[in-house]
Amino acid sequence: MSGTLYLVATPIGNLGDITRRAADVLAGTDFVAAEDTRVTLKLLNHLGLKKPLVSYYAHNQTESGARIVERILSGESCALVTDAGMPAISDPGEELVRLCADSGVTVTAIPGACAAVTALALSALPTGRFTFEGFLSTAKKSRFEHLRSLKDEKRTMIFYEAPHKLLPTLRDMLETFGDRRISISREMTKIHEETLRLTLQSAVAHFEATPPRGEFVLVIEGAPASDSARATLEDALDAVRGYRRDGLSLKDAVKKSAAEIGFPKNTLYEAALRDD
């Protein structure tokens, strides 16, 4: 009988954020697959645990992944962890999950901290709809192509970025998106946690004067509504008015109209309150 792969979320900074369930799973599995065994060893020491560690990261994922799946199929259980956050999110664990799924191995997640969602919550930007874009390419051409594909994206966008790439990325974003609002978070849950709420232009000026340190999460507002989108709002309001005449409550009329027209429900509700 095969074992189980556990995707165990780890703290993104403060070790106190490890969950009781995550600690129990780490204690109960046969071995731990880690992005960086040195980082994971610190977490295990914090929990008072001694577990066999195997290395699993981008440059050995093919060879190491096959060995891990073989061990799980033989009946062992494995906890997969990254240095911080949820395994398989912008992480080679994605491939190990696929290998396990293809082999019929049970995969279960132990949820916890996630840098993208934490930064989004801190951003003061719209959170109802968002797209996670992970890390941009280090190649300038590929980076521009990625950004250009998002120029008309209406949802809030979330990116991860390393300190040595931050300033070039911000300049490319300013060139592509124009001077939109951006929230930049670093060192989240740590002593020197910082979230800057700026525009892209002011963000470029800030980091030209202040060299970036630490890993960053960038949260950028989506593209402004176009004329066609504003016309769609009026169409949606007409639908709300019709349902109101039919006797529906404002809440139900908005819900039904938003689904039919394909317009964001929260935006429509705020407009309908003013219109009612």
C-alpha atoms as a PDB file:
ATOM      1  CA  MET A   1       0.000   0.000   0.000  1.00  0.00           C
ATOM      2  CA  SER A   2       1.429   3.376  -0.994  1.00  0.00           C
ATOM      3  CA  GLY A   3       2.016   6.239   1.412  1.00  0.00           C
ATOM      4  CA  THR A   4       0.960   9.882   1.159  1.00  0.00           C
ATOM      5  CA  LEU A   5       2.543  13.123   0.007  1.00  0.00           C
ATOM      6  CA  TYR A   6       1.744  15.977   2.399  1.00  0.00           C
ATOM      7  CA  LEU A   7       2.152  19.550   1.124  1.00  0.00           C
ATOM      8  CA  VAL A   8       3.030  21.386   4.323  1.00  0.00           C
ATOM      9  CA  ALA A   9       2.898  25.191   4.347  1.00  0.00           C
ATOM     10  CA  THR A  10       5.700  26.740   6.376  1.00  0.00           C
ATOM     11  CA  PRO A  11       6.034  30.238   7.908  1.00  0.00           C
ATOM     12  CA  ILE A  12       6.969  33.065   5.541  1.00  0.00           C
ATOM     13  CA  GLY A  13       9.136  34.658   8.213  1.00  0.00           C
ATOM     14  CA  ASN A  14       7.967  34.226  11.783  1.00  0.00           C
ATOM     15  CA  LEU A  15       8.409  30.632  12.958  1.00  0.00           C
ATOM     16  CA  GLY A  16       5.540  31.158  15.368  1.00  0.00           C
ATOM     17  CA  ASP A  17       3.155  30.988  12.413  1.00  0.00           C
ATOM     18  CA  ILE A  18       3.622  27.230  11.975  1.00  0.00           C
ATOM     19  CA  THR A  19       0.272  25.542  12.600  1.00  0.00           C
ATOM     20  CA  ARG A  20      -0.322  22.755  15.115  1.00  0.00           C
ATOM     21  CA  ARG A  21      -1.481  20.458  12.312  1.00  0.00           C
ATOM     22  CA  ALA A  22       1.634  21.186  10.235  1.00  0.00           C
ATOM     23  CA  ALA A  23       3.853  20.361  13.217  1.00  0.00           C
ATOM     24  CA  ASP A  24       1.954  17.119  13.819  1.00  0.00           C
ATOM     25  CA  VAL A  25       2.287  16.065  10.183  1.00  0.00           C
ATOM     26  CA  LEU A  26       6.013  16.856  10.128  1.00  0.00           C
ATOM     27  CA  ALA A  27       6.405  14.759  13.269  1.00  0.00           C
ATOM     28  CA  GLY A  28       4.430  11.844  11.825  1.00  0.00           C
ATOM     29  CA  THR A  29       5.835  11.488   8.315  1.00  0.00           C
ATOM     30  CA  ASP A  30       8.713   9.154   7.465  1.00  0.00           C
ATOM     31  CA  PHE A  31      10.823  11.828   5.786  1.00  0.00           C
ATOM     32  CA  VAL A  32      10.780  15.478   4.700  1.00  0.00           C
ATOM     33  CA  ALA A  33      11.551  16.724   1.192  1.00  0.00           C
ATOM     34  CA  ALA A  34      12.931  20.264   1.409  1.00  0.00           C
ATOM     35  CA  GLU A  35      13.847  23.074  -0.970  1.00  0.00           C
ATOM     36  CA  ASP A  36      16.848  23.916   1.234  1.00  0.00           C
ATOM     37  CA  THR A  37      17.583  21.365   3.954  1.00  0.00           C
ATOM     38  CA  ARG A  38      19.473  23.980   6.008  1.00  0.00           C
ATOM     39  CA  VAL A  39      16.400  26.232   6.197  1.00  0.00           C
ATOM     40  CA  THR A  40      14.113  23.319   7.021  1.00  0.00           C
ATOM     41  CA  LEU A  41      16.499  22.074   9.697  1.00  0.00           C
ATOM     42  CA  LYS A  42      16.050  25.384  11.543  1.00  0.00           C
ATOM     43  CA  LEU A  43      12.263  24.880  11.484  1.00  0.00           C
ATOM     44  CA  LEU A  44      12.543  21.297  12.680  1.00  0.00           C
ATOM     45  CA  ASN A  45      14.886  22.369  15.484  1.00  0.00           C
ATOM     46  CA  HIS A  46      12.364  25.046  16.467  1.00  0.00           C
ATOM     47  CA  LEU A  47       9.729  22.301  16.732  1.00  0.00           C
ATOM     48  CA  GLY A  48      12.077  19.918  18.545  1.00  0.00           C
ATOM     49  CA  LEU A  49      11.893  17.365  15.722  1.00  0.00           C
ATOM     50  CA  LYS A  50      14.524  15.134  14.146  1.00  0.00           C
ATOM     51  CA  LYS A  51      13.503  13.823  10.731  1.00  0.00           C
ATOM     52  CA  PRO A  52      15.342  12.405   7.717  1.00  0.00           C
ATOM     53  CA  LEU A  53      15.703  15.173   5.125  1.00  0.00           C
ATOM     54  CA  VAL A  54      16.031  14.842   1.350  1.00  0.00           C
ATOM     55  CA  SER A  55      16.793  17.683  -1.033  1.00  0.00           C
ATOM     56  CA  TYR A  56      14.180  18.581  -3.661  1.00  0.00           C
ATOM     57  CA  TYR A  57      14.625  21.803  -5.626  1.00  0.00           C
ATOM     58  CA  ALA A  58      14.581  23.151  -9.187  1.00  0.00           C
ATOM     59  CA  HIS A  59      17.925  21.712 -10.317  1.00  0.00           C
ATOM     60  CA  ASN A  60      17.434  18.156  -9.019  1.00  0.00           C
ATOM     61  CA  GLN A  61      13.659  17.795  -9.250  1.00  0.00           C
ATOM     62  CA  THR A  62      13.654  15.143 -12.009  1.00  0.00           C
ATOM     63  CA  GLU A  63      16.042  12.755 -10.303  1.00  0.00           C
ATOM     64  CA  SER A  64      14.980  13.489  -6.719  1.00  0.00           C
ATOM     65  CA  GLY A  65      11.275  13.491  -7.585  1.00  0.00           C
ATOM     66  CA  ALA A  66      11.453   9.983  -9.033  1.00  0.00           C
ATOM     67  CA  ARG A  67      13.175   8.689  -5.891  1.00  0.00           C
ATOM     68  CA  ILE A  68      10.615  10.376  -3.632  1.00  0.00           C
ATOM     69  CA  VAL A  69       7.683   8.862  -5.553  1.00  0.00           C
ATOM     70  CA  GLU A  70       9.345   5.444  -5.421  1.00  0.00           C
ATOM     71  CA  ARG A  71       9.649   5.688  -1.636  1.00  0.00           C
ATOM     72  CA  ILE A  72       6.034   6.792  -1.259  1.00  0.00           C
ATOM     73  CA  LEU A  73       4.829   3.933  -3.489  1.00  0.00           C
ATOM     74  CA  SER A  74       6.731   1.537  -1.215  1.00  0.00           C
ATOM     75  CA  GLY A  75       4.623   2.742   1.725  1.00  0.00           C
ATOM     76  CA  GLU A  76       6.504   5.715   3.203  1.00  0.00           C
ATOM     77  CA  SER A  77       4.888   9.090   3.827  1.00  0.00           C
ATOM     78  CA  CYS A  78       6.600  12.336   2.810  1.00  0.00           C
ATOM     79  CA  ALA A  79       6.137  15.958   3.881  1.00  0.00           C
ATOM     80  CA  LEU A  80       7.086  18.400   1.127  1.00  0.00           C
ATOM     81  CA  VAL A  81       8.119  21.873   2.304  1.00  0.00           C
ATOM     82  CA  THR A  82       9.592  24.994   0.738  1.00  0.00           C
ATOM     83  CA  ASP A  83      11.763  27.591   2.432  1.00  0.00           C
ATOM     84  CA  ALA A  84       8.635  29.683   3.052  1.00  0.00           C
ATOM     85  CA  GLY A  85       4.951  29.411   2.218  1.00  0.00           C
ATOM     86  CA  MET A  86       2.928  26.827   0.321  1.00  0.00           C
ATOM     87  CA  PRO A  87       4.713  24.108  -1.660  1.00  0.00           C
ATOM     88  CA  ALA A  88       3.914  23.913  -5.399  1.00  0.00           C
ATOM     89  CA  ILE A  89       3.122  27.652  -5.693  1.00  0.00           C
ATOM     90  CA  SER A  90       5.868  29.192  -7.888  1.00  0.00           C
ATOM     91  CA  ASP A  91       7.834  26.174  -6.738  1.00  0.00           C
ATOM     92  CA  PRO A  92       9.141  22.891  -8.241  1.00  0.00           C
ATOM     93  CA  GLY A  93       6.781  21.032  -5.902  1.00  0.00           C
ATOM     94  CA  GLU A  94       4.261  21.503  -8.710  1.00  0.00           C
ATOM     95  CA  GLU A  95       6.082  18.779 -10.653  1.00  0.00           C
ATOM     96  CA  LEU A  96       6.222  16.394  -7.670  1.00  0.00           C
ATOM     97  CA  VAL A  97       2.452  16.759  -7.196  1.00  0.00           C
ATOM     98  CA  ARG A  98       1.960  15.875 -10.867  1.00  0.00           C
ATOM     99  CA  LEU A  99       4.225  12.825 -10.564  1.00  0.00           C
ATOM    100  CA  CYS A 100       2.322  11.624  -7.512  1.00  0.00           C
ATOM    101  CA  ALA A 101      -1.054  12.218  -9.159  1.00  0.00           C
ATOM    102  CA  ASP A 102       0.059  10.287 -12.250  1.00  0.00           C
ATOM    103  CA  SER A 103       1.245   7.415 -10.025  1.00  0.00           C
ATOM    104  CA  GLY A 104      -1.978   7.230  -8.030  1.00  0.00           C
ATOM    105  CA  VAL A 105      -0.356   8.544  -4.850  1.00  0.00           C
ATOM    106  CA  THR A 106      -2.609  10.380  -2.405  1.00  0.00           C
ATOM    107  CA  VAL A 107      -1.687  14.061  -2.072  1.00  0.00           C
ATOM    108  CA  THR A 108      -3.079  16.234   0.700  1.00  0.00           C
ATOM    109  CA  ALA A 109      -2.388  19.840   1.678  1.00  0.00           C
ATOM    110  CA  ILE A 110      -1.736  21.270   5.115  1.00  0.00           C
ATOM    111  CA  PRO A 111      -2.581  24.955   4.557  1.00  0.00           C
ATOM    112  CA  GLY A 112      -0.861  27.895   6.167  1.00  0.00           C
ATOM    113  CA  ALA A 113       1.000  31.079   5.339  1.00  0.00           C
ATOM    114  CA  CYS A 114       1.093  32.371   1.764  1.00  0.00           C
ATOM    115  CA  ALA A 115       3.070  35.486   0.849  1.00  0.00           C
ATOM    116  CA  ALA A 116       0.852  36.408  -2.124  1.00  0.00           C
ATOM    117  CA  VAL A 117      -2.419  36.446  -0.191  1.00  0.00           C
ATOM    118  CA  THR A 118      -0.823  38.126   2.834  1.00  0.00           C
ATOM    119  CA  ALA A 119       0.537  40.955   0.666  1.00  0.00           C
ATOM    120  CA  LEU A 120      -2.809  41.296  -1.120  1.00  0.00           C
ATOM    121  CA  ALA A 121      -4.595  41.707   2.211  1.00  0.00           C
ATOM    122  CA  LEU A 122      -2.109  44.443   3.190  1.00  0.00           C
ATOM    123  CA  SER A 123      -2.238  46.252  -0.151  1.00  0.00           C
ATOM    124  CA  ALA A 124      -5.367  48.407   0.247  1.00  0.00           C
ATOM    125  CA  LEU A 125      -6.120  47.504  -3.397  1.00  0.00           C
ATOM    126  CA  PRO A 126      -9.218  45.604  -4.619  1.00  0.00           C
ATOM    127  CA  THR A 127      -9.134  41.997  -3.391  1.00  0.00           C
ATOM    128  CA  GLY A 128     -12.363  40.626  -4.875  1.00  0.00           C
ATOM    129  CA  ARG A 129     -10.678  39.435  -8.074  1.00  0.00           C
ATOM    130  CA  PHE A 130      -6.949  38.989  -8.568  1.00  0.00           C
ATOM    131  CA  THR A 131      -4.420  37.126 -10.689  1.00  0.00           C
ATOM    132  CA  PHE A 132      -1.205  35.621  -9.355  1.00  0.00           C
ATOM    133  CA  GLU A 133       1.638  35.958 -11.876  1.00  0.00           C
ATOM    134  CA  GLY A 134       4.571  34.674  -9.813  1.00  0.00           C
ATOM    135  CA  PHE A 135       8.118  35.579 -10.869  1.00  0.00           C
ATOM    136  CA  LEU A 136       8.783  37.412 -14.122  1.00  0.00           C
ATOM    137  CA  SER A 137      11.459  36.129 -16.474  1.00  0.00           C
ATOM    138  CA  THR A 138      15.021  37.368 -16.057  1.00  0.00           C
ATOM    139  CA  ALA A 139      15.164  37.849 -19.854  1.00  0.00           C
ATOM    140  CA  LYS A 140      14.077  41.383 -20.737  1.00  0.00           C
ATOM    141  CA  LYS A 141      12.185  40.337 -23.895  1.00  0.00           C
ATOM    142  CA  SER A 142      10.220  37.606 -22.112  1.00  0.00           C
ATOM    143  CA  ARG A 143       9.525  39.935 -19.188  1.00  0.00           C
ATOM    144  CA  PHE A 144       8.096  42.599 -21.505  1.00  0.00           C
ATOM    145  CA  GLU A 145       5.968  40.020 -23.340  1.00  0.00           C
ATOM    146  CA  HIS A 146       4.547  38.827 -20.023  1.00  0.00           C
ATOM    147  CA  LEU A 147       3.784  42.362 -18.882  1.00  0.00           C
ATOM    148  CA  ARG A 148       2.278  43.385 -22.231  1.00  0.00           C
ATOM    149  CA  SER A 149      -0.088  40.417 -22.052  1.00  0.00           C
ATOM    150  CA  LEU A 150      -1.410  41.917 -18.788  1.00  0.00           C
ATOM    151  CA  LYS A 151      -1.757  45.531 -19.952  1.00  0.00           C
ATOM    152  CA  ASP A 152      -5.568  45.309 -20.167  1.00  0.00           C
ATOM    153  CA  GLU A 153      -5.971  42.989 -17.167  1.00  0.00           C
ATOM    154  CA  LYS A 154      -8.735  44.414 -14.954  1.00  0.00           C
ATOM    155  CA  ARG A 155      -7.987  42.288 -11.908  1.00  0.00           C
ATOM    156  CA  THR A 156      -5.437  43.172  -9.234  1.00  0.00           C
ATOM    157  CA  MET A 157      -2.098  41.535 -10.142  1.00  0.00           C
ATOM    158  CA  ILE A 158       0.381  39.881  -7.772  1.00  0.00           C
ATOM    159  CA  PHE A 159       4.059  39.262  -8.566  1.00  0.00           C
ATOM    160  CA  TYR A 160       7.051  37.918  -6.647  1.00  0.00           C
ATOM    161  CA  GLU A 161      10.414  39.603  -7.168  1.00  0.00           C
ATOM    162  CA  ALA A 162      13.994  39.305  -5.946  1.00  0.00           C
ATOM    163  CA  PRO A 163      15.864  42.411  -4.707  1.00  0.00           C
ATOM    164  CA  HIS A 164      18.439  42.497  -7.519  1.00  0.00           C
ATOM    165  CA  LYS A 165      15.654  42.471 -10.133  1.00  0.00           C
ATOM    166  CA  LEU A 166      13.213  44.807  -8.402  1.00  0.00           C
ATOM    167  CA  LEU A 167      14.204  48.129  -9.955  1.00  0.00           C
ATOM    168  CA  PRO A 168      14.361  46.880 -13.588  1.00  0.00           C
ATOM    169  CA  THR A 169      10.988  45.205 -13.069  1.00  0.00           C
ATOM    170  CA  LEU A 170       9.397  48.362 -11.672  1.00  0.00           C
ATOM    171  CA  ARG A 171      10.745  50.402 -14.603  1.00  0.00           C
ATOM    172  CA  ASP A 172       9.334  47.882 -17.085  1.00  0.00           C
ATOM    173  CA  MET A 173       5.980  47.916 -15.288  1.00  0.00           C
ATOM    174  CA  LEU A 174       5.863  51.715 -15.383  1.00  0.00           C
ATOM    175  CA  GLU A 175       6.613  51.677 -19.113  1.00  0.00           C
ATOM    176  CA  THR A 176       3.965  49.014 -19.772  1.00  0.00           C
ATOM    177  CA  PHE A 177       1.146  49.898 -17.360  1.00  0.00           C
ATOM    178  CA  GLY A 178       1.614  53.630 -16.831  1.00  0.00           C
ATOM    179  CA  ASP A 179       1.647  55.203 -13.380  1.00  0.00           C
ATOM    180  CA  ARG A 180      -0.729  52.847 -11.539  1.00  0.00           C
ATOM    181  CA  ARG A 181      -1.024  52.244  -7.814  1.00  0.00           C
ATOM    182  CA  ILE A 182       1.233  49.549  -6.387  1.00  0.00           C
ATOM    183  CA  SER A 183       1.720  47.996  -2.966  1.00  0.00           C
ATOM    184  CA  ILE A 184       5.171  46.583  -2.227  1.00  0.00           C
ATOM    185  CA  SER A 185       5.621  44.245   0.750  1.00  0.00           C
ATOM    186  CA  ARG A 186       8.826  42.814   2.182  1.00  0.00           C
ATOM    187  CA  GLU A 187       9.918  40.959   5.329  1.00  0.00           C
ATOM    188  CA  MET A 188       6.299  40.081   6.089  1.00  0.00           C
ATOM    189  CA  THR A 189       5.737  38.682   9.616  1.00  0.00           C
ATOM    190  CA  LYS A 190       9.348  39.604  10.528  1.00  0.00           C
ATOM    191  CA  ILE A 191      10.700  42.376  12.749  1.00  0.00           C
ATOM    192  CA  HIS A 192      11.371  44.733   9.832  1.00  0.00           C
ATOM    193  CA  GLU A 193       8.090  44.074   7.990  1.00  0.00           C
ATOM    194  CA  GLU A 194       7.306  46.871   5.547  1.00  0.00           C
ATOM    195  CA  THR A 195       4.512  47.629   3.093  1.00  0.00           C
ATOM    196  CA  LEU A 196       4.832  50.656   0.809  1.00  0.00           C
ATOM    197  CA  ARG A 197       1.685  51.920  -0.940  1.00  0.00           C
ATOM    198  CA  LEU A 198       2.873  54.051  -3.847  1.00  0.00           C
ATOM    199  CA  THR A 199       2.460  54.605  -7.558  1.00  0.00           C
ATOM    200  CA  LEU A 200       4.827  52.902  -9.974  1.00  0.00           C
ATOM    201  CA  GLN A 201       6.609  56.169 -10.713  1.00  0.00           C
ATOM    202  CA  SER A 202       7.173  56.950  -7.043  1.00  0.00           C
ATOM    203  CA  ALA A 203       8.217  53.332  -6.429  1.00  0.00           C
ATOM    204  CA  VAL A 204      10.952  53.646  -9.066  1.00  0.00           C
ATOM    205  CA  ALA A 205      12.158  56.898  -7.468  1.00  0.00           C
ATOM    206  CA  HIS A 206      12.108  55.341  -3.991  1.00  0.00           C
ATOM    207  CA  PHE A 207      14.236  52.326  -4.915  1.00  0.00           C
ATOM    208  CA  GLU A 208      16.624  54.403  -6.992  1.00  0.00           C
ATOM    209  CA  ALA A 209      17.398  56.211  -3.744  1.00  0.00           C
ATOM    210  CA  THR A 210      17.067  53.197  -1.410  1.00  0.00           C
ATOM    211  CA  PRO A 211      18.690  49.912  -2.499  1.00  0.00           C
ATOM    212  CA  PRO A 212      16.125  47.086  -2.149  1.00  0.00           C
ATOM    213  CA  ARG A 213      16.719  44.368   0.421  1.00  0.00           C
ATOM    214  CA  GLY A 214      14.771  41.160   1.015  1.00  0.00           C
ATOM    215  CA  GLU A 215      12.238  39.295  -1.111  1.00  0.00           C
ATOM    216  CA  PHE A 216       9.333  41.362  -2.432  1.00  0.00           C
ATOM    217  CA  VAL A 217       5.671  40.860  -3.264  1.00  0.00           C
ATOM    218  CA  LEU A 218       4.275  43.417  -5.712  1.00  0.00           C
ATOM    219  CA  VAL A 219       0.521  44.044  -5.821  1.00  0.00           C
ATOM    220  CA  ILE A 220      -0.594  46.261  -8.726  1.00  0.00           C
ATOM    221  CA  GLU A 221      -4.035  47.622  -9.489  1.00  0.00           C
ATOM    222  CA  GLY A 222      -5.699  46.387 -12.642  1.00  0.00           C
ATOM    223  CA  ALA A 223      -6.361  48.388 -15.790  1.00  0.00           C
ATOM    224  CA  PRO A 224      -8.908  51.217 -15.469  1.00  0.00           C
ATOM    225  CA  ALA A 225     -12.418  50.627 -16.766  1.00  0.00           C
ATOM    226  CA  SER A 226     -12.798  51.365 -20.451  1.00  0.00           C
ATOM    227  CA  ASP A 227     -15.728  53.175 -22.056  1.00  0.00           C
ATOM    228  CA  SER A 228     -17.192  49.818 -23.028  1.00  0.00           C
ATOM    229  CA  ALA A 229     -16.949  48.660 -19.417  1.00  0.00           C
ATOM    230  CA  ARG A 230     -18.794  51.775 -18.228  1.00  0.00           C
ATOM    231  CA  ALA A 231     -21.500  51.083 -20.801  1.00  0.00           C
ATOM    232  CA  THR A 232     -21.754  47.557 -19.427  1.00  0.00           C
ATOM    233  CA  LEU A 233     -22.343  49.002 -15.956  1.00  0.00           C
ATOM    234  CA  GLU A 234     -25.340  50.902 -17.310  1.00  0.00           C
ATOM    235  CA  ASP A 235     -26.598  47.698 -18.936  1.00  0.00           C
ATOM    236  CA  ALA A 236     -26.199  45.916 -15.616  1.00  0.00           C
ATOM    237  CA  LEU A 237     -28.066  48.683 -13.777  1.00  0.00           C
ATOM    238  CA  ASP A 238     -30.918  48.407 -16.293  1.00  0.00           C
ATOM    239  CA  ALA A 239     -31.123  44.707 -15.507  1.00  0.00           C
ATOM    240  CA  VAL A 240     -31.180  45.460 -11.761  1.00  0.00           C
ATOM    241  CA  ARG A 241     -33.995  47.960 -12.262  1.00  0.00           C
ATOM    242  CA  GLY A 242     -35.984  45.380 -14.197  1.00  0.00           C
ATOM    243  CA  TYR A 243     -35.605  42.747 -11.496  1.00  0.00           C
ATOM    244  CA  ARG A 244     -36.508  45.320  -8.842  1.00  0.00           C
ATOM    245  CA  ARG A 245     -39.731  46.066 -10.726  1.00  0.00           C
ATOM    246  CA  ASP A 246     -40.399  42.321 -10.673  1.00  0.00           C
ATOM    247  CA  GLY A 247     -40.209  42.393  -6.888  1.00  0.00           C
ATOM    248  CA  LEU A 248     -36.697  41.103  -6.174  1.00  0.00           C
ATOM    249  CA  SER A 249     -34.702  42.586  -3.314  1.00  0.00           C
ATOM    250  CA  LEU A 250     -31.778  44.822  -4.237  1.00  0.00           C
ATOM    251  CA  LYS A 251     -29.297  42.136  -3.156  1.00  0.00           C
ATOM    252  CA  ASP A 252     -30.960  39.410  -5.224  1.00  0.00           C
ATOM    253  CA  ALA A 253     -31.445  41.724  -8.221  1.00  0.00           C
ATOM    254  CA  VAL A 254     -27.741  42.630  -8.181  1.00  0.00           C
ATOM    255  CA  LYS A 255     -26.656  39.013  -7.802  1.00  0.00           C
ATOM    256  CA  LYS A 256     -28.791  37.874 -10.737  1.00  0.00           C
ATOM    257  CA  SER A 257     -27.879  40.822 -12.973  1.00  0.00           C
ATOM    258  CA  ALA A 258     -24.135  40.519 -12.273  1.00  0.00           C
ATOM    259  CA  ALA A 259     -24.209  36.851 -13.243  1.00  0.00           C
ATOM    260  CA  GLU A 260     -26.126  37.546 -16.447  1.00  0.00           C
ATOM    261  CA  ILE A 261     -24.161  40.606 -17.599  1.00  0.00           C
ATOM    262  CA  GLY A 262     -20.770  39.373 -16.403  1.00  0.00           C
ATOM    263  CA  PHE A 263     -20.114  42.451 -14.279  1.00  0.00           C
ATOM    264  CA  PRO A 264     -18.351  42.467 -10.862  1.00  0.00           C
ATOM    265  CA  LYS A 265     -21.026  42.039  -8.210  1.00  0.00           C
ATOM    266  CA  ASN A 266     -19.507  44.345  -5.595  1.00  0.00           C
ATOM    267  CA  THR A 267     -19.075  47.204  -8.082  1.00  0.00           C
ATOM    268  CA  LEU A 268     -22.628  46.733  -9.346  1.00  0.00           C
ATOM    269  CA  TYR A 269     -24.043  46.649  -5.816  1.00  0.00           C
ATOM    270  CA  GLU A 270     -22.362  49.951  -4.908  1.00  0.00           C
ATOM    271  CA  ALA A 271     -23.698  51.554  -8.099  1.00  0.00           C
ATOM    272  CA  ALA A 272     -27.160  50.094  -7.534  1.00  0.00           C
ATOM    273  CA  LEU A 273     -27.266  51.506  -3.988  1.00  0.00           C
ATOM    274  CA  ARG A 274     -26.690  54.974  -5.398  1.00  0.00           C
ATOM    275  CA  ASP A 275     -29.250  54.335  -8.131  1.00  0.00           C
ATOM    276  CA  ASP A 276     -31.958  52.771  -5.953  1.00  0.00           C
END
